[in-house]
PDB file of all heavy atoms in Angstrom:
ATOM      1  N   GLY A   1     -62.221   0.516 -48.377  1.00  0.00           N
ATOM      2  CA  GLY A   1     -62.383  -0.727 -47.518  1.00  0.00           C
ATOM      3  C   GLY A   1     -61.126  -1.349 -47.190  1.00  0.00           C
ATOM      4  O   GLY A   1     -60.097  -1.293 -47.939  1.00  0.00           O
ATOM      5  N   ILE A   2     -61.024  -1.997 -46.035  1.00  0.00           N
ATOM      6  CA  ILE A   2     -59.880  -2.789 -45.668  1.00  0.00           C
ATOM      7  C   ILE A   2     -60.389  -4.246 -45.563  1.00  0.00           C
ATOM      8  O   ILE A   2     -61.068  -4.626 -44.694  1.00  0.00           O
ATOM      9  CB  ILE A   2     -59.268  -2.366 -44.306  1.00  0.00           C
ATOM     10  CG1 ILE A   2     -58.926  -0.870 -44.330  1.00  0.00           C
ATOM     11  CG2 ILE A   2     -58.040  -3.126 -43.962  1.00  0.00           C
ATOM     12  CD1 ILE A   2     -59.912   0.050 -43.616  1.00  0.00           C
ATOM     13  N   ASP A   3     -60.016  -5.105 -46.546  1.00  0.00           N
ATOM     14  CA  ASP A   3     -60.628  -6.393 -46.682  1.00  0.00           C
ATOM     15  C   ASP A   3     -59.532  -7.495 -46.746  1.00  0.00           C
ATOM     16  O   ASP A   3     -58.354  -7.198 -46.998  1.00  0.00           O
ATOM     17  CB  ASP A   3     -61.459  -6.433 -47.976  1.00  0.00           C
ATOM     18  CG  ASP A   3     -62.491  -7.479 -47.946  1.00  0.00           C
ATOM     19  OD1 ASP A   3     -62.619  -8.207 -46.889  1.00  0.00           O
ATOM     20  OD2 ASP A   3     -63.247  -7.591 -48.947  1.00  0.00           O
ATOM     21  N   ASN A   4     -59.983  -8.723 -46.654  1.00  0.00           N
ATOM     22  CA  ASN A   4     -59.064  -9.934 -46.766  1.00  0.00           C
ATOM     23  C   ASN A   4     -57.823  -9.764 -45.940  1.00  0.00           C
ATOM     24  O   ASN A   4     -56.691 -10.028 -46.407  1.00  0.00           O
ATOM     25  CB  ASN A   4     -58.702 -10.168 -48.252  1.00  0.00           C
ATOM     26  CG  ASN A   4     -59.886 -10.420 -49.088  1.00  0.00           C
ATOM     27  OD1 ASN A   4     -60.889 -10.786 -48.622  1.00  0.00           O
ATOM     28  ND2 ASN A   4     -59.791 -10.270 -50.435  1.00  0.00           N
ATOM     29  N   ILE A   5     -58.081  -9.438 -44.655  1.00  0.00           N
ATOM     30  CA  ILE A   5     -56.922  -9.177 -43.745  1.00  0.00           C
ATOM     31  C   ILE A   5     -56.300 -10.529 -43.328  1.00  0.00           C
ATOM     32  O   ILE A   5     -57.033 -11.373 -42.804  1.00  0.00           O
ATOM     33  CB  ILE A   5     -57.347  -8.434 -42.572  1.00  0.00           C
ATOM     34  CG1 ILE A   5     -57.834  -7.012 -43.027  1.00  0.00           C
ATOM     35  CG2 ILE A   5     -56.263  -8.226 -41.541  1.00  0.00           C
ATOM     36  CD1 ILE A   5     -58.590  -6.312 -41.856  1.00  0.00           C
ATOM     37  N   GLN A   6     -55.057 -10.724 -43.525  1.00  0.00           N
ATOM     38  CA  GLN A   6     -54.305 -11.958 -43.139  1.00  0.00           C
ATOM     39  C   GLN A   6     -53.075 -11.504 -42.366  1.00  0.00           C
ATOM     40  O   GLN A   6     -52.235 -10.802 -42.871  1.00  0.00           O
ATOM     41  CB  GLN A   6     -53.918 -12.791 -44.343  1.00  0.00           C
ATOM     42  CG  GLN A   6     -55.076 -13.286 -45.179  1.00  0.00           C
ATOM     43  CD  GLN A   6     -54.570 -14.020 -46.397  1.00  0.00           C
ATOM     44  OE1 GLN A   6     -54.058 -15.097 -46.272  1.00  0.00           O
ATOM     45  NE2 GLN A   6     -54.779 -13.428 -47.616  1.00  0.00           N
ATOM     46  N   ILE A   7     -52.943 -12.028 -41.103  1.00  0.00           N
ATOM     47  CA  ILE A   7     -51.718 -11.759 -40.301  1.00  0.00           C
ATOM     48  C   ILE A   7     -51.153 -13.085 -39.949  1.00  0.00           C
ATOM     49  O   ILE A   7     -51.782 -13.954 -39.330  1.00  0.00           O
ATOM     50  CB  ILE A   7     -52.087 -11.008 -38.968  1.00  0.00           C
ATOM     51  CG1 ILE A   7     -53.077  -9.855 -39.301  1.00  0.00           C
ATOM     52  CG2 ILE A   7     -50.804 -10.460 -38.385  1.00  0.00           C
ATOM     53  CD1 ILE A   7     -52.585  -8.741 -40.144  1.00  0.00           C
ATOM     54  N   THR A   8     -49.924 -13.344 -40.280  1.00  0.00           N
ATOM     55  CA  THR A   8     -49.201 -14.605 -40.003  1.00  0.00           C
ATOM     56  C   THR A   8     -47.832 -14.271 -39.473  1.00  0.00           C
ATOM     57  O   THR A   8     -47.326 -13.166 -39.508  1.00  0.00           O
ATOM     58  CB  THR A   8     -49.103 -15.489 -41.288  1.00  0.00           C
ATOM     59  OG1 THR A   8     -48.366 -14.728 -42.314  1.00  0.00           O
ATOM     60  CG2 THR A   8     -50.454 -15.800 -41.843  1.00  0.00           C
ATOM     61  N   GLY A   9     -47.152 -15.306 -38.965  1.00  0.00           N
ATOM     62  CA  GLY A   9     -45.790 -15.218 -38.476  1.00  0.00           C
ATOM     63  C   GLY A   9     -45.107 -16.480 -38.576  1.00  0.00           C
ATOM     64  O   GLY A   9     -45.756 -17.635 -38.789  1.00  0.00           O
ATOM     65  N   GLN A  10     -43.785 -16.521 -38.445  1.00  0.00           N
ATOM     66  CA  GLN A  10     -42.956 -17.737 -38.426  1.00  0.00           C
ATOM     67  C   GLN A  10     -42.514 -18.080 -37.027  1.00  0.00           C
ATOM     68  O   GLN A  10     -42.113 -17.158 -36.271  1.00  0.00           O
ATOM     69  CB  GLN A  10     -41.736 -17.574 -39.318  1.00  0.00           C
ATOM     70  CG  GLN A  10     -42.161 -17.340 -40.832  1.00  0.00           C
ATOM     71  CD  GLN A  10     -40.950 -17.137 -41.674  1.00  0.00           C
ATOM     72  OE1 GLN A  10     -39.805 -16.749 -41.167  1.00  0.00           O
ATOM     73  NE2 GLN A  10     -41.036 -17.280 -42.964  1.00  0.00           N
ATOM     74  N   VAL A  11     -42.506 -19.303 -36.697  1.00  0.00           N
ATOM     75  CA  VAL A  11     -42.108 -19.745 -35.369  1.00  0.00           C
ATOM     76  C   VAL A  11     -40.604 -19.490 -35.187  1.00  0.00           C
ATOM     77  O   VAL A  11     -39.822 -19.789 -36.020  1.00  0.00           O
ATOM     78  CB  VAL A  11     -42.418 -21.161 -35.102  1.00  0.00           C
ATOM     79  CG1 VAL A  11     -41.915 -21.671 -33.718  1.00  0.00           C
ATOM     80  CG2 VAL A  11     -43.915 -21.437 -35.200  1.00  0.00           C
ATOM     81  N   ILE A  12     -40.305 -18.883 -34.017  1.00  0.00           N
ATOM     82  CA  ILE A  12     -38.895 -18.665 -33.657  1.00  0.00           C
ATOM     83  C   ILE A  12     -38.323 -19.999 -33.134  1.00  0.00           C
ATOM     84  O   ILE A  12     -38.730 -20.466 -32.120  1.00  0.00           O
ATOM     85  CB  ILE A  12     -38.709 -17.609 -32.577  1.00  0.00           C
ATOM     86  CG1 ILE A  12     -39.330 -16.275 -33.105  1.00  0.00           C
ATOM     87  CG2 ILE A  12     -37.255 -17.420 -32.202  1.00  0.00           C
ATOM     88  CD1 ILE A  12     -39.311 -15.204 -32.054  1.00  0.00           C
ATOM     89  N   THR A  13     -37.365 -20.546 -33.907  1.00  0.00           N
ATOM     90  CA  THR A  13     -36.807 -21.873 -33.479  1.00  0.00           C
ATOM     91  C   THR A  13     -35.469 -21.654 -32.793  1.00  0.00           C
ATOM     92  O   THR A  13     -34.926 -20.556 -32.727  1.00  0.00           O
ATOM     93  CB  THR A  13     -36.571 -22.752 -34.733  1.00  0.00           C
ATOM     94  OG1 THR A  13     -35.734 -22.026 -35.643  1.00  0.00           O
ATOM     95  CG2 THR A  13     -37.912 -23.011 -35.503  1.00  0.00           C
ATOM     96  N   ALA A  14     -35.028 -22.732 -32.131  1.00  0.00           N
ATOM     97  CA  ALA A  14     -33.815 -22.706 -31.440  1.00  0.00           C
ATOM     98  C   ALA A  14     -32.651 -22.207 -32.318  1.00  0.00           C
ATOM     99  O   ALA A  14     -32.508 -22.621 -33.456  1.00  0.00           O
ATOM    100  CB  ALA A  14     -33.370 -24.096 -30.857  1.00  0.00           C
ATOM    101  N   GLY A  15     -31.832 -21.314 -31.771  1.00  0.00           N
ATOM    102  CA  GLY A  15     -30.694 -20.747 -32.574  1.00  0.00           C
ATOM    103  C   GLY A  15     -31.068 -19.421 -33.262  1.00  0.00           C
ATOM    104  O   GLY A  15     -30.177 -18.810 -33.735  1.00  0.00           O
ATOM    105  N   GLU A  16     -32.385 -19.045 -33.309  1.00  0.00           N
ATOM    106  CA  GLU A  16     -32.790 -17.816 -33.964  1.00  0.00           C
ATOM    107  C   GLU A  16     -33.045 -16.737 -33.010  1.00  0.00           C
ATOM    108  O   GLU A  16     -33.302 -15.672 -33.361  1.00  0.00           O
ATOM    109  CB  GLU A  16     -34.004 -18.053 -34.830  1.00  0.00           C
ATOM    110  CG  GLU A  16     -33.790 -18.940 -35.956  1.00  0.00           C
ATOM    111  CD  GLU A  16     -35.080 -19.066 -36.785  1.00  0.00           C
ATOM    112  OE1 GLU A  16     -36.099 -19.269 -36.233  1.00  0.00           O
ATOM    113  OE2 GLU A  16     -35.009 -19.073 -38.019  1.00  0.00           O
ATOM    114  N   GLY A  17     -32.856 -17.019 -31.640  1.00  0.00           N
ATOM    115  CA  GLY A  17     -33.073 -16.018 -30.655  1.00  0.00           C
ATOM    116  C   GLY A  17     -31.744 -15.278 -30.292  1.00  0.00           C
ATOM    117  O   GLY A  17     -30.932 -15.053 -31.152  1.00  0.00           O
ATOM    118  N   THR A  18     -31.558 -15.068 -28.964  1.00  0.00           N
ATOM    119  CA  THR A  18     -30.379 -14.364 -28.562  1.00  0.00           C
ATOM    120  C   THR A  18     -29.170 -15.225 -28.703  1.00  0.00           C
ATOM    121  O   THR A  18     -29.192 -16.431 -28.317  1.00  0.00           O
ATOM    122  CB  THR A  18     -30.552 -13.955 -27.084  1.00  0.00           C
ATOM    123  OG1 THR A  18     -31.694 -13.180 -26.855  1.00  0.00           O
ATOM    124  CG2 THR A  18     -29.248 -13.228 -26.595  1.00  0.00           C
ATOM    125  N   PRO A  19     -28.068 -14.727 -29.319  1.00  0.00           N
ATOM    126  CA  PRO A  19     -26.861 -15.583 -29.476  1.00  0.00           C
ATOM    127  C   PRO A  19     -26.389 -16.015 -28.197  1.00  0.00           C
ATOM    128  O   PRO A  19     -26.358 -15.360 -27.191  1.00  0.00           O
ATOM    129  CB  PRO A  19     -25.902 -14.635 -30.163  1.00  0.00           C
ATOM    130  CG  PRO A  19     -26.725 -13.521 -30.733  1.00  0.00           C
ATOM    131  CD  PRO A  19     -27.896 -13.429 -29.872  1.00  0.00           C
ATOM    132  N   GLN A  20     -25.882 -17.310 -28.173  1.00  0.00           N
ATOM    133  CA  GLN A  20     -25.321 -17.864 -26.912  1.00  0.00           C
ATOM    134  C   GLN A  20     -23.816 -17.624 -26.811  1.00  0.00           C
ATOM    135  O   GLN A  20     -23.130 -17.507 -27.836  1.00  0.00           O
ATOM    136  CB  GLN A  20     -25.582 -19.398 -26.897  1.00  0.00           C
ATOM    137  CG  GLN A  20     -27.108 -19.782 -26.979  1.00  0.00           C
ATOM    138  CD  GLN A  20     -27.800 -19.286 -25.793  1.00  0.00           C
ATOM    139  OE1 GLN A  20     -27.447 -19.427 -24.677  1.00  0.00           O
ATOM    140  NE2 GLN A  20     -28.912 -18.551 -26.038  1.00  0.00           N
ATOM    141  N   SER A  21     -23.343 -17.499 -25.560  1.00  0.00           N
ATOM    142  CA  SER A  21     -21.897 -17.266 -25.349  1.00  0.00           C
ATOM    143  C   SER A  21     -21.344 -18.419 -24.478  1.00  0.00           C
ATOM    144  O   SER A  21     -22.103 -19.071 -23.703  1.00  0.00           O
ATOM    145  CB  SER A  21     -21.619 -15.927 -24.725  1.00  0.00           C
ATOM    146  OG  SER A  21     -22.256 -15.896 -23.461  1.00  0.00           O
ATOM    147  N   GLY A  22     -20.027 -18.716 -24.532  1.00  0.00           N
ATOM    148  CA  GLY A  22     -19.412 -19.670 -23.710  1.00  0.00           C
ATOM    149  C   GLY A  22     -17.981 -19.932 -24.099  1.00  0.00           C
ATOM    150  O   GLY A  22     -17.446 -19.240 -24.939  1.00  0.00           O
ATOM    151  N   LEU A  23     -17.293 -20.838 -23.435  1.00  0.00           N
ATOM    152  CA  LEU A  23     -15.934 -21.199 -23.734  1.00  0.00           C
ATOM    153  C   LEU A  23     -15.863 -22.699 -24.193  1.00  0.00           C
ATOM    154  O   LEU A  23     -16.611 -23.537 -23.620  1.00  0.00           O
ATOM    155  CB  LEU A  23     -15.024 -21.028 -22.500  1.00  0.00           C
ATOM    156  CG  LEU A  23     -14.889 -19.577 -21.937  1.00  0.00           C
ATOM    157  CD1 LEU A  23     -14.126 -19.607 -20.700  1.00  0.00           C
ATOM    158  CD2 LEU A  23     -14.144 -18.775 -23.024  1.00  0.00           C
ATOM    159  N   ALA A  24     -15.037 -22.917 -25.153  1.00  0.00           N
ATOM    160  CA  ALA A  24     -14.880 -24.305 -25.569  1.00  0.00           C
ATOM    161  C   ALA A  24     -13.426 -24.703 -25.306  1.00  0.00           C
ATOM    162  O   ALA A  24     -12.520 -23.908 -25.186  1.00  0.00           O
ATOM    163  CB  ALA A  24     -15.130 -24.402 -27.120  1.00  0.00           C
ATOM    164  N   MET A  25     -13.183 -26.007 -25.071  1.00  0.00           N
ATOM    165  CA  MET A  25     -11.865 -26.532 -24.725  1.00  0.00           C
ATOM    166  C   MET A  25     -11.000 -26.343 -25.959  1.00  0.00           C
ATOM    167  O   MET A  25     -11.274 -26.591 -27.073  1.00  0.00           O
ATOM    168  CB  MET A  25     -11.961 -28.029 -24.376  1.00  0.00           C
ATOM    169  CG  MET A  25     -10.578 -28.614 -23.949  1.00  0.00           C
ATOM    170  SD  MET A  25     -10.781 -30.294 -23.460  1.00  0.00           S
ATOM    171  CE  MET A  25     -11.656 -30.051 -21.868  1.00  0.00           C
ATOM    172  N   ALA A  26      -9.726 -25.793 -25.699  1.00  0.00           N
ATOM    173  CA  ALA A  26      -8.781 -25.677 -26.719  1.00  0.00           C
ATOM    174  C   ALA A  26      -8.307 -27.044 -27.251  1.00  0.00           C
ATOM    175  O   ALA A  26      -8.205 -27.987 -26.564  1.00  0.00           O
ATOM    176  CB  ALA A  26      -7.534 -24.896 -26.218  1.00  0.00           C
ATOM    177  N   VAL A  27      -7.989 -26.992 -28.522  1.00  0.00           N
ATOM    178  CA  VAL A  27      -7.518 -28.269 -29.181  1.00  0.00           C
ATOM    179  C   VAL A  27      -6.165 -27.894 -29.859  1.00  0.00           C
ATOM    180  O   VAL A  27      -6.134 -26.901 -30.644  1.00  0.00           O
ATOM    181  CB  VAL A  27      -8.488 -28.779 -30.216  1.00  0.00           C
ATOM    182  CG1 VAL A  27      -7.852 -29.991 -30.922  1.00  0.00           C
ATOM    183  CG2 VAL A  27      -9.783 -29.165 -29.540  1.00  0.00           C
ATOM    184  N   ALA A  28      -5.033 -28.561 -29.738  1.00  0.00           N
ATOM    185  CA  ALA A  28      -4.965 -29.770 -28.827  1.00  0.00           C
ATOM    186  C   ALA A  28      -4.811 -29.406 -27.368  1.00  0.00           C
ATOM    187  O   ALA A  28      -4.579 -28.189 -27.061  1.00  0.00           O
ATOM    188  CB  ALA A  28      -3.679 -30.589 -29.228  1.00  0.00           C
ATOM    189  N   ASN A  29      -4.902 -30.353 -26.517  1.00  0.00           N
ATOM    190  CA  ASN A  29      -4.826 -30.052 -25.101  1.00  0.00           C
ATOM    191  C   ASN A  29      -4.091 -31.121 -24.448  1.00  0.00           C
ATOM    192  O   ASN A  29      -4.304 -32.365 -24.603  1.00  0.00           O
ATOM    193  CB  ASN A  29      -6.293 -30.066 -24.526  1.00  0.00           C
ATOM    194  CG  ASN A  29      -6.284 -29.668 -23.070  1.00  0.00           C
ATOM    195  OD1 ASN A  29      -5.494 -28.872 -22.609  1.00  0.00           O
ATOM    196  ND2 ASN A  29      -7.206 -30.224 -22.307  1.00  0.00           N
ATOM    197  N   PRO A  30      -2.931 -30.777 -23.714  1.00  0.00           N
ATOM    198  CA  PRO A  30      -2.430 -29.459 -23.372  1.00  0.00           C
ATOM    199  C   PRO A  30      -1.823 -28.752 -24.592  1.00  0.00           C
ATOM    200  O   PRO A  30      -1.629 -29.423 -25.615  1.00  0.00           O
ATOM    201  CB  PRO A  30      -1.398 -29.687 -22.291  1.00  0.00           C
ATOM    202  CG  PRO A  30      -0.935 -31.070 -22.588  1.00  0.00           C
ATOM    203  CD  PRO A  30      -2.088 -31.847 -23.096  1.00  0.00           C
ATOM    204  N   VAL A  31      -1.568 -27.517 -24.495  1.00  0.00           N
ATOM    205  CA  VAL A  31      -0.935 -26.690 -25.573  1.00  0.00           C
ATOM    206  C   VAL A  31       0.267 -26.027 -25.044  1.00  0.00           C
ATOM    207  O   VAL A  31       0.503 -25.854 -23.866  1.00  0.00           O
ATOM    208  CB  VAL A  31      -1.964 -25.629 -26.083  1.00  0.00           C
ATOM    209  CG1 VAL A  31      -3.243 -26.265 -26.667  1.00  0.00           C
ATOM    210  CG2 VAL A  31      -2.313 -24.619 -24.961  1.00  0.00           C
ATOM    211  N   ARG A  32       1.094 -25.653 -25.971  1.00  0.00           N
ATOM    212  CA  ARG A  32       2.334 -24.880 -25.669  1.00  0.00           C
ATOM    213  C   ARG A  32       2.189 -23.414 -26.305  1.00  0.00           C
ATOM    214  O   ARG A  32       1.667 -23.269 -27.344  1.00  0.00           O
ATOM    215  CB  ARG A  32       3.607 -25.552 -26.247  1.00  0.00           C
ATOM    216  CG  ARG A  32       3.960 -26.902 -25.576  1.00  0.00           C
ATOM    217  CD  ARG A  32       5.113 -27.482 -26.271  1.00  0.00           C
ATOM    218  NE  ARG A  32       5.466 -28.803 -25.753  1.00  0.00           N
ATOM    219  CZ  ARG A  32       6.254 -28.899 -24.608  1.00  0.00           C
ATOM    220  NH1 ARG A  32       6.742 -27.870 -24.016  1.00  0.00           N
ATOM    221  NH2 ARG A  32       6.453 -30.184 -24.161  1.00  0.00           N
ATOM    222  N   GLY A  33       2.774 -22.478 -25.651  1.00  0.00           N
ATOM    223  CA  GLY A  33       2.749 -21.092 -26.124  1.00  0.00           C
ATOM    224  C   GLY A  33       1.354 -20.493 -25.997  1.00  0.00           C
ATOM    225  O   GLY A  33       0.545 -20.792 -25.180  1.00  0.00           O
TER     226      GLY A  33
END
């Protein structure tokens, strides 16, 4: 027999999906070299 079947999952929250890409401003600004 296949009994007491329970199927559950965890909600995918922000930040757990596809990694985000982008550019951030350099610090300090302006820079030398």
